[in-house]
Amino acid sequence: MMDVGTSVDETGTLIRDGGAFYLQRDLGGRFALELQRTPVDLVEKRVRLRGTIVGPERVSADGVAPA
């Protein structure tokens, strides 16, 4: 588990479950994402996530882009 405030720069698959978005991490596990912009064009695609840990397995995303 990562500490709150830790920077994240990871790749994985962006998934949508209902109204929520998650990163299925290449390293295993998944992060729930807090997003400023909804990246619907990247759902089910491999992406790179940059952000900050804000809770257990929860990331405030600064950016999500194709990997």
Protein backbone atom coordinates (compact mmCIF):
# COMPACT_ATOMS: atom_id res chain seq x y z
CA MET A 1 0.00 0.00 0.00
CA MET A 2 1.26 3.46 -0.89
CA ASP A 3 1.13 6.46 1.44
CA VAL A 4 -1.21 9.40 0.82
CA GLY A 5 0.67 12.07 -1.13
CA THR A 6 2.83 9.58 -3.05
CA SER A 7 3.22 10.41 -6.75
CA VAL A 8 2.01 7.79 -9.22
CA ASP A 9 3.26 7.22 -12.77
CA GLU A 10 1.97 3.86 -13.98
CA THR A 11 0.54 2.10 -16.99
CA GLY A 12 -2.42 -0.21 -17.29
CA THR A 13 -5.90 -0.53 -18.78
CA LEU A 14 -8.53 2.13 -18.14
CA ILE A 15 -11.82 0.51 -17.17
CA ARG A 16 -15.24 1.97 -16.46
CA ASP A 17 -17.62 0.40 -13.98
CA GLY A 18 -20.90 2.29 -13.82
CA GLY A 19 -19.97 5.94 -13.32
CA ALA A 20 -16.52 5.19 -11.90
CA PHE A 21 -13.16 4.81 -13.65
CA TYR A 22 -10.33 2.50 -12.60
CA LEU A 23 -6.80 1.75 -13.73
CA GLN A 24 -6.19 -2.00 -13.96
CA ARG A 25 -2.47 -1.76 -13.21
CA ASP A 26 0.20 -3.58 -15.24
CA LEU A 27 1.85 -4.29 -11.87
CA GLY A 28 -1.32 -5.91 -10.50
CA GLY A 29 -4.27 -4.54 -8.60
CA ARG A 30 -6.26 -1.49 -9.51
CA PHE A 31 -6.69 2.15 -8.58
CA ALA A 32 -9.99 3.99 -8.33
CA LEU A 33 -9.54 7.30 -10.14
CA GLU A 34 -10.62 10.82 -9.32
CA LEU A 35 -10.67 12.56 -12.70
CA GLN A 36 -11.10 16.21 -13.70
CA ARG A 37 -11.88 15.16 -17.27
CA THR A 38 -13.75 12.04 -18.35
CA PRO A 39 -11.53 10.12 -20.83
CA VAL A 40 -14.28 8.00 -22.46
CA ASP A 41 -12.22 7.64 -25.65
CA LEU A 42 -9.54 5.75 -23.65
CA VAL A 43 -11.81 3.20 -21.93
CA GLU A 44 -10.61 -0.40 -22.42
CA LYS A 45 -7.28 0.88 -23.79
CA ARG A 46 -3.76 0.85 -22.41
CA VAL A 47 -2.98 4.18 -20.75
CA ARG A 48 -0.39 5.98 -18.66
CA LEU A 49 -1.64 7.50 -15.42
CA ARG A 50 0.03 10.32 -13.53
CA GLY A 51 -1.36 11.51 -10.24
CA THR A 52 -1.24 11.40 -6.46
CA ILE A 53 -2.41 8.80 -3.94
CA VAL A 54 -5.34 10.29 -1.96
CA GLY A 55 -6.54 7.16 -0.15
CA PRO A 56 -6.34 3.39 -0.12
CA GLU A 57 -6.06 2.34 -3.79
CA ARG A 58 -7.42 5.77 -4.84
CA VAL A 59 -5.61 8.27 -7.10
CA SER A 60 -6.34 11.88 -7.96
CA ALA A 61 -5.33 11.88 -11.62
CA ASP A 62 -3.31 14.73 -13.06
CA GLY A 63 -3.42 13.07 -16.46
CA VAL A 64 -4.46 9.96 -18.34
CA ALA A 65 -3.00 9.48 -21.82
CA PRO A 66 -2.48 6.65 -24.31
CA ALA A 67 0.52 4.51 -23.34
